[in-house]
C-alpha cells in the first residue's frame, strides 16, 4: 500500500514535469538561441531569470498546491539563486571544453531536479490533496 505522502509527492512530480517541462523547453530554447548572440553566462542569466519568474508564479499554486505566501516565494527565489550558481558552474565546465553553444542546454539536467526538490521543501504546506485512487 502506498502512503499518502508518497502519493502526493508523485502527483507533484507529474505536475512539476508539466510546468517545469514547459518552462525548461522554453528557457532552454532561449538559452541556446541567446548563446549564439552573447557569452554563455549572460545567455544563461537571461534565460534563467525568465524561467524563475515563470516558475515562481506557477510552482506554488499549481505544482505544489500551496498558498504561495510572499515569504515562501522569496525563499523559493533564494533557492533558485543557489541553483543559478550551480548552473553557471555547469556552463563554465561546458565552456572549458570548448563545446558547441547548444551544449549549454545540458545545464538543465542538473538544475531542473534541484528546482523540484527546492519547491517540494519550500511549498510543503498543501491546501488540496490529490484524490485517492
N, C-alpha and C. Protein backbone atom coordinates (compact mmCIF):
# COMPACT_ATOMS: atom_id res chain seq x y z
N UNK A 1 0.84 -1.18 0.00
CA UNK A 1 0.00 0.00 0.00
C UNK A 1 0.89 1.25 0.00
N UNK A 2 0.56 2.23 -0.82
CA UNK A 2 1.32 3.46 -0.94
C UNK A 2 0.79 4.47 0.07
N UNK A 3 1.71 5.07 0.85
CA UNK A 3 1.24 6.04 1.82
C UNK A 3 0.88 7.35 1.14
N UNK A 4 0.14 8.19 1.83
CA UNK A 4 -0.39 9.44 1.28
C UNK A 4 0.72 10.40 0.86
N UNK A 5 1.80 10.48 1.65
CA UNK A 5 2.89 11.39 1.31
C UNK A 5 3.54 10.98 -0.01
N UNK A 6 3.73 9.70 -0.22
CA UNK A 6 4.31 9.23 -1.49
C UNK A 6 3.39 9.55 -2.65
N UNK A 7 2.08 9.41 -2.44
CA UNK A 7 1.10 9.70 -3.49
C UNK A 7 1.13 11.18 -3.86
N UNK A 8 1.16 12.07 -2.86
CA UNK A 8 1.18 13.50 -3.15
C UNK A 8 2.52 13.92 -3.76
N UNK A 9 3.60 13.27 -3.36
CA UNK A 9 4.91 13.56 -3.97
C UNK A 9 4.89 13.17 -5.44
N UNK A 10 4.33 12.02 -5.72
CA UNK A 10 4.24 11.54 -7.10
C UNK A 10 3.37 12.48 -7.94
N UNK A 11 2.25 12.91 -7.38
CA UNK A 11 1.36 13.83 -8.10
C UNK A 11 2.06 15.17 -8.35
N UNK A 12 2.77 15.66 -7.34
CA UNK A 12 3.52 16.92 -7.50
C UNK A 12 4.61 16.75 -8.55
N UNK A 13 5.24 15.59 -8.59
CA UNK A 13 6.28 15.35 -9.58
C UNK A 13 5.71 15.41 -11.00
N UNK A 14 4.52 14.85 -11.20
CA UNK A 14 3.89 14.91 -12.53
C UNK A 14 3.54 16.35 -12.90
N UNK A 15 2.99 17.09 -11.94
CA UNK A 15 2.66 18.49 -12.21
C UNK A 15 3.94 19.28 -12.50
N UNK A 16 5.01 18.97 -11.75
CA UNK A 16 6.29 19.65 -11.97
C UNK A 16 6.82 19.34 -13.37
N UNK A 17 6.65 18.10 -13.81
CA UNK A 17 7.10 17.73 -15.16
C UNK A 17 6.36 18.53 -16.23
N UNK A 18 5.08 18.77 -16.01
CA UNK A 18 4.30 19.54 -16.99
C UNK A 18 4.72 21.01 -16.98
N UNK A 19 4.65 21.64 -15.81
CA UNK A 19 5.02 23.05 -15.70
C UNK A 19 6.52 23.22 -15.94
N UNK A 20 7.31 22.41 -15.26
CA UNK A 20 8.75 22.50 -15.41
C UNK A 20 9.21 22.13 -16.80
N UNK A 21 8.55 21.16 -17.41
CA UNK A 21 8.90 20.77 -18.77
C UNK A 21 8.64 21.90 -19.75
N UNK A 22 7.49 22.53 -19.62
CA UNK A 22 7.18 23.68 -20.47
C UNK A 22 8.20 24.79 -20.26
N UNK A 23 8.47 25.09 -19.00
CA UNK A 23 9.45 26.12 -18.65
C UNK A 23 10.83 25.75 -19.18
N UNK A 24 11.22 24.50 -18.98
CA UNK A 24 12.54 24.05 -19.39
C UNK A 24 12.70 24.11 -20.91
N UNK A 25 11.70 23.65 -21.64
CA UNK A 25 11.79 23.70 -23.10
C UNK A 25 11.92 25.14 -23.60
N UNK A 26 11.09 26.02 -23.04
CA UNK A 26 11.13 27.42 -23.48
C UNK A 26 12.44 28.10 -23.10
N UNK A 27 12.88 27.91 -21.86
CA UNK A 27 14.10 28.60 -21.44
C UNK A 27 15.36 27.96 -22.03
N UNK A 28 15.32 26.65 -22.31
CA UNK A 28 16.46 26.02 -22.97
C UNK A 28 16.58 26.55 -24.40
N UNK A 29 15.46 26.67 -25.09
CA UNK A 29 15.49 27.24 -26.44
C UNK A 29 16.01 28.68 -26.40
N UNK A 30 15.54 29.44 -25.42
CA UNK A 30 16.02 30.81 -25.25
C UNK A 30 17.53 30.83 -24.97
N UNK A 31 17.98 29.95 -24.07
CA UNK A 31 19.40 29.85 -23.73
C UNK A 31 20.25 29.52 -24.95
N UNK A 32 19.85 28.52 -25.69
CA UNK A 32 20.63 28.10 -26.86
C UNK A 32 20.64 29.23 -27.90
N UNK A 33 19.49 29.82 -28.16
CA UNK A 33 19.44 30.92 -29.13
C UNK A 33 20.30 32.10 -28.72
N UNK A 34 20.19 32.50 -27.46
CA UNK A 34 20.98 33.63 -26.97
C UNK A 34 22.47 33.31 -26.90
N UNK A 35 22.81 32.02 -26.75
CA UNK A 35 24.22 31.62 -26.68
C UNK A 35 24.98 31.95 -27.97
N UNK A 36 24.25 32.05 -29.06
CA UNK A 36 24.87 32.42 -30.33
C UNK A 36 25.01 33.94 -30.48
N UNK A 37 24.35 34.69 -29.58
CA UNK A 37 24.37 36.15 -29.67
C UNK A 37 25.18 36.83 -28.59
N UNK A 38 25.44 36.11 -27.51
CA UNK A 38 26.13 36.70 -26.36
C UNK A 38 26.90 35.62 -25.62
N UNK A 39 27.76 36.01 -24.68
CA UNK A 39 28.50 35.00 -23.91
C UNK A 39 27.53 34.03 -23.20
N UNK A 40 27.98 32.78 -23.05
CA UNK A 40 27.13 31.74 -22.44
C UNK A 40 26.60 32.11 -21.08
N UNK A 41 27.44 32.73 -20.24
CA UNK A 41 26.99 33.08 -18.88
C UNK A 41 25.86 34.11 -18.93
N UNK A 42 25.93 35.05 -19.88
CA UNK A 42 24.88 36.07 -19.98
C UNK A 42 23.60 35.47 -20.55
N UNK A 43 23.75 34.61 -21.57
CA UNK A 43 22.59 33.93 -22.12
C UNK A 43 21.90 33.09 -21.04
N UNK A 44 22.70 32.40 -20.25
CA UNK A 44 22.15 31.59 -19.15
C UNK A 44 21.43 32.46 -18.14
N UNK A 45 22.01 33.61 -17.82
CA UNK A 45 21.39 34.51 -16.84
C UNK A 45 20.03 35.01 -17.32
N UNK A 46 19.95 35.45 -18.57
CA UNK A 46 18.68 35.94 -19.12
C UNK A 46 17.64 34.83 -19.14
N UNK A 47 18.03 33.66 -19.63
CA UNK A 47 17.10 32.53 -19.71
C UNK A 47 16.67 32.08 -18.31
N UNK A 48 17.61 32.04 -17.39
CA UNK A 48 17.30 31.59 -16.04
C UNK A 48 16.34 32.53 -15.34
N UNK A 49 16.57 33.83 -15.46
CA UNK A 49 15.68 34.80 -14.82
C UNK A 49 14.27 34.74 -15.41
N UNK A 50 14.19 34.54 -16.72
CA UNK A 50 12.88 34.37 -17.35
C UNK A 50 12.17 33.14 -16.79
N UNK A 51 12.90 32.05 -16.67
CA UNK A 51 12.33 30.83 -16.12
C UNK A 51 11.98 30.95 -14.65
N UNK A 52 12.75 31.72 -13.90
CA UNK A 52 12.47 31.92 -12.47
C UNK A 52 11.13 32.61 -12.26
N UNK A 53 10.85 33.63 -13.07
CA UNK A 53 9.57 34.31 -12.96
C UNK A 53 8.43 33.34 -13.25
N UNK A 54 8.56 32.60 -14.34
CA UNK A 54 7.54 31.61 -14.71
C UNK A 54 7.35 30.58 -13.60
N UNK A 55 8.45 30.05 -13.11
CA UNK A 55 8.41 29.00 -12.09
C UNK A 55 7.80 29.51 -10.79
N UNK A 56 8.19 30.69 -10.37
CA UNK A 56 7.68 31.23 -9.10
C UNK A 56 6.17 31.44 -9.19
N UNK A 57 5.69 31.90 -10.32
CA UNK A 57 4.25 32.14 -10.50
C UNK A 57 3.47 30.83 -10.46
N UNK A 58 3.97 29.80 -11.15
CA UNK A 58 3.20 28.57 -11.29
C UNK A 58 3.51 27.47 -10.28
N UNK A 59 4.70 27.45 -9.72
CA UNK A 59 5.10 26.33 -8.86
C UNK A 59 4.28 26.24 -7.58
N UNK A 60 4.15 27.33 -6.87
CA UNK A 60 3.47 27.27 -5.57
C UNK A 60 2.03 26.79 -5.70
N UNK A 61 1.28 27.45 -6.53
CA UNK A 61 -0.15 27.15 -6.61
C UNK A 61 -0.48 25.88 -7.37
N UNK A 62 0.15 25.65 -8.49
CA UNK A 62 -0.27 24.54 -9.32
C UNK A 62 0.54 23.28 -9.08
N UNK A 63 1.84 23.41 -8.96
CA UNK A 63 2.67 22.21 -8.80
C UNK A 63 2.59 21.68 -7.38
N UNK A 64 2.84 22.54 -6.41
CA UNK A 64 2.94 22.09 -5.03
C UNK A 64 1.68 22.40 -4.22
N UNK A 65 0.67 22.95 -4.85
CA UNK A 65 -0.65 23.24 -4.26
C UNK A 65 -0.55 23.91 -2.90
N UNK A 66 0.27 24.91 -2.82
CA UNK A 66 0.45 25.67 -1.59
C UNK A 66 -0.15 27.05 -1.80
N UNK A 67 -0.38 27.74 -0.70
CA UNK A 67 -0.91 29.10 -0.79
C UNK A 67 0.09 30.04 -1.43
N UNK A 68 1.37 29.70 -1.39
CA UNK A 68 2.38 30.52 -2.04
C UNK A 68 2.53 31.89 -1.41
N UNK A 69 2.74 31.93 -0.11
CA UNK A 69 2.91 33.21 0.56
C UNK A 69 4.10 33.97 0.00
N UNK A 70 4.15 35.26 0.28
CA UNK A 70 5.28 36.07 -0.18
C UNK A 70 6.59 35.56 0.41
N UNK A 71 6.55 35.12 1.67
CA UNK A 71 7.75 34.59 2.31
C UNK A 71 8.22 33.33 1.59
N UNK A 72 7.30 32.43 1.29
CA UNK A 72 7.66 31.19 0.60
C UNK A 72 8.21 31.49 -0.79
N UNK A 73 7.59 32.46 -1.49
CA UNK A 73 8.08 32.83 -2.82
C UNK A 73 9.50 33.40 -2.73
N UNK A 74 9.77 34.17 -1.69
CA UNK A 74 11.11 34.73 -1.51
C UNK A 74 12.12 33.62 -1.23
N UNK A 75 11.77 32.68 -0.35
CA UNK A 75 12.66 31.56 -0.04
C UNK A 75 12.90 30.73 -1.30
N UNK A 76 11.85 30.50 -2.08
CA UNK A 76 11.96 29.74 -3.33
C UNK A 76 12.91 30.46 -4.29
N UNK A 77 12.75 31.76 -4.41
CA UNK A 77 13.63 32.54 -5.28
C UNK A 77 15.08 32.48 -4.78
N UNK A 78 15.29 32.49 -3.47
CA UNK A 78 16.65 32.38 -2.93
C UNK A 78 17.24 31.01 -3.21
N UNK A 79 16.41 29.97 -3.13
CA UNK A 79 16.88 28.63 -3.51
C UNK A 79 17.32 28.64 -4.96
N UNK A 80 16.55 29.33 -5.79
CA UNK A 80 16.89 29.40 -7.20
C UNK A 80 18.15 30.21 -7.46
N UNK A 81 18.50 31.10 -6.55
CA UNK A 81 19.78 31.80 -6.68
C UNK A 81 20.92 30.80 -6.56
N UNK A 82 20.81 29.88 -5.60
CA UNK A 82 21.82 28.84 -5.44
C UNK A 82 21.82 27.93 -6.67
N UNK A 83 20.65 27.56 -7.13
CA UNK A 83 20.54 26.70 -8.32
C UNK A 83 21.14 27.42 -9.53
N UNK A 84 20.92 28.72 -9.62
CA UNK A 84 21.51 29.52 -10.69
C UNK A 84 23.03 29.43 -10.67
N UNK A 85 23.61 29.55 -9.48
CA UNK A 85 25.07 29.46 -9.36
C UNK A 85 25.58 28.08 -9.77
N UNK A 86 24.84 27.05 -9.40
CA UNK A 86 25.20 25.69 -9.82
C UNK A 86 25.17 25.61 -11.35
N UNK A 87 24.14 26.17 -11.95
CA UNK A 87 24.04 26.17 -13.40
C UNK A 87 25.18 26.93 -14.07
N UNK A 88 25.59 28.05 -13.46
CA UNK A 88 26.73 28.79 -14.01
C UNK A 88 28.00 27.94 -14.00
N UNK A 89 28.17 27.15 -12.95
CA UNK A 89 29.33 26.25 -12.89
C UNK A 89 29.25 25.23 -14.03
N UNK A 90 28.06 24.69 -14.26
CA UNK A 90 27.90 23.73 -15.36
C UNK A 90 28.25 24.39 -16.69
N UNK A 91 27.76 25.61 -16.91
CA UNK A 91 28.07 26.35 -18.15
C UNK A 91 29.58 26.57 -18.27
N UNK A 92 30.22 26.94 -17.16
CA UNK A 92 31.67 27.17 -17.18
C UNK A 92 32.43 25.90 -17.55
N UNK A 93 31.97 24.76 -17.02
CA UNK A 93 32.62 23.49 -17.36
C UNK A 93 32.44 23.19 -18.84
N UNK A 94 31.24 23.38 -19.34
CA UNK A 94 30.98 23.15 -20.77
C UNK A 94 31.86 24.07 -21.61
N UNK A 95 31.96 25.33 -21.23
CA UNK A 95 32.78 26.28 -21.98
C UNK A 95 34.26 25.91 -21.91
N UNK A 96 34.70 25.34 -20.78
CA UNK A 96 36.11 24.99 -20.65
C UNK A 96 36.53 23.89 -21.63
N UNK A 97 35.56 23.12 -22.11
CA UNK A 97 35.83 22.09 -23.10
C UNK A 97 35.61 22.58 -24.53
N UNK A 98 35.30 23.87 -24.67
CA UNK A 98 35.05 24.49 -25.98
C UNK A 98 34.00 23.73 -26.79
N UNK A 99 32.97 23.24 -26.09
CA UNK A 99 31.89 22.56 -26.78
C UNK A 99 31.03 23.56 -27.53
N UNK A 100 30.21 23.10 -28.45
CA UNK A 100 29.32 24.00 -29.18
C UNK A 100 28.30 24.63 -28.23
N UNK A 101 27.82 25.80 -28.62
CA UNK A 101 26.92 26.57 -27.75
C UNK A 101 25.67 25.81 -27.34
N UNK A 102 25.15 24.95 -28.21
CA UNK A 102 23.92 24.24 -27.85
C UNK A 102 24.10 23.33 -26.63
N UNK A 103 25.34 22.96 -26.32
CA UNK A 103 25.58 22.13 -25.14
C UNK A 103 25.27 22.87 -23.84
N UNK A 104 25.18 24.20 -23.88
CA UNK A 104 24.79 24.94 -22.68
C UNK A 104 23.43 24.47 -22.16
N UNK A 105 22.60 23.97 -23.06
CA UNK A 105 21.29 23.45 -22.66
C UNK A 105 21.36 22.28 -21.70
N UNK A 106 22.51 21.61 -21.65
CA UNK A 106 22.67 20.47 -20.73
C UNK A 106 22.62 20.90 -19.26
N UNK A 107 22.77 22.18 -19.01
CA UNK A 107 22.72 22.66 -17.62
C UNK A 107 21.40 22.30 -16.95
N UNK A 108 20.32 22.16 -17.73
CA UNK A 108 19.02 21.83 -17.14
C UNK A 108 18.98 20.43 -16.54
N UNK A 109 19.89 19.55 -16.98
CA UNK A 109 19.92 18.20 -16.39
C UNK A 109 20.33 18.24 -14.92
N UNK A 110 21.01 19.31 -14.53
CA UNK A 110 21.39 19.48 -13.14
C UNK A 110 20.40 20.38 -12.41
N UNK A 111 20.01 21.48 -13.05
CA UNK A 111 19.20 22.48 -12.35
C UNK A 111 17.73 22.09 -12.19
N UNK A 112 17.16 21.37 -13.14
CA UNK A 112 15.73 21.00 -13.04
C UNK A 112 15.43 20.13 -11.82
N UNK A 113 16.20 19.06 -11.56
CA UNK A 113 15.92 18.28 -10.36
C UNK A 113 16.10 19.09 -9.07
N UNK A 114 17.08 19.97 -9.06
CA UNK A 114 17.27 20.82 -7.87
C UNK A 114 16.06 21.73 -7.67
N UNK A 115 15.48 22.21 -8.76
CA UNK A 115 14.28 23.05 -8.66
C UNK A 115 13.10 22.31 -8.07
N UNK A 116 12.93 21.05 -8.44
CA UNK A 116 11.84 20.26 -7.88
C UNK A 116 12.02 20.07 -6.38
N UNK A 117 13.21 19.70 -5.98
CA UNK A 117 13.49 19.47 -4.56
C UNK A 117 13.26 20.76 -3.77
N UNK A 118 13.73 21.88 -4.30
CA UNK A 118 13.54 23.17 -3.61
C UNK A 118 12.05 23.48 -3.45
N UNK A 119 11.29 23.32 -4.51
CA UNK A 119 9.86 23.60 -4.44
C UNK A 119 9.14 22.67 -3.49
N UNK A 120 9.50 21.43 -3.51
CA UNK A 120 8.86 20.44 -2.62
C UNK A 120 9.11 20.79 -1.16
N UNK A 121 10.31 21.27 -0.85
CA UNK A 121 10.63 21.64 0.53
C UNK A 121 9.97 22.96 0.91
N UNK A 122 10.09 23.96 0.07
CA UNK A 122 9.57 25.30 0.39
C UNK A 122 8.05 25.32 0.45
N UNK A 123 7.40 24.69 -0.51
CA UNK A 123 5.94 24.73 -0.58
C UNK A 123 5.31 23.46 -0.02
N UNK A 124 5.82 22.97 1.11
CA UNK A 124 5.34 21.70 1.65
C UNK A 124 3.95 21.77 2.25
N UNK A 125 3.47 22.95 2.61
CA UNK A 125 2.10 23.10 3.11
C UNK A 125 1.15 23.04 1.93
N UNK A 126 0.25 22.07 1.92
CA UNK A 126 -0.67 21.91 0.81
C UNK A 126 -2.08 22.29 1.23
N UNK A 127 -2.78 22.94 0.30
CA UNK A 127 -4.16 23.31 0.57
C UNK A 127 -5.13 22.28 0.02
N UNK A 128 -4.70 21.54 -0.98
CA UNK A 128 -5.57 20.49 -1.51
C UNK A 128 -4.73 19.25 -1.69
N UNK A 129 -5.31 18.14 -1.56
CA UNK A 129 -4.61 16.87 -1.74
C UNK A 129 -5.19 16.20 -2.98
N UNK A 130 -4.39 15.37 -3.58
CA UNK A 130 -4.85 14.60 -4.74
C UNK A 130 -5.88 13.58 -4.26
N UNK A 131 -6.91 13.33 -5.04
CA UNK A 131 -7.89 12.32 -4.65
C UNK A 131 -7.26 10.94 -4.61
N UNK A 132 -7.71 10.13 -3.70
CA UNK A 132 -7.19 8.76 -3.59
C UNK A 132 -7.63 7.95 -4.80
N UNK A 133 -6.70 7.14 -5.27
CA UNK A 133 -7.04 6.31 -6.44
C UNK A 133 -7.64 5.00 -6.00
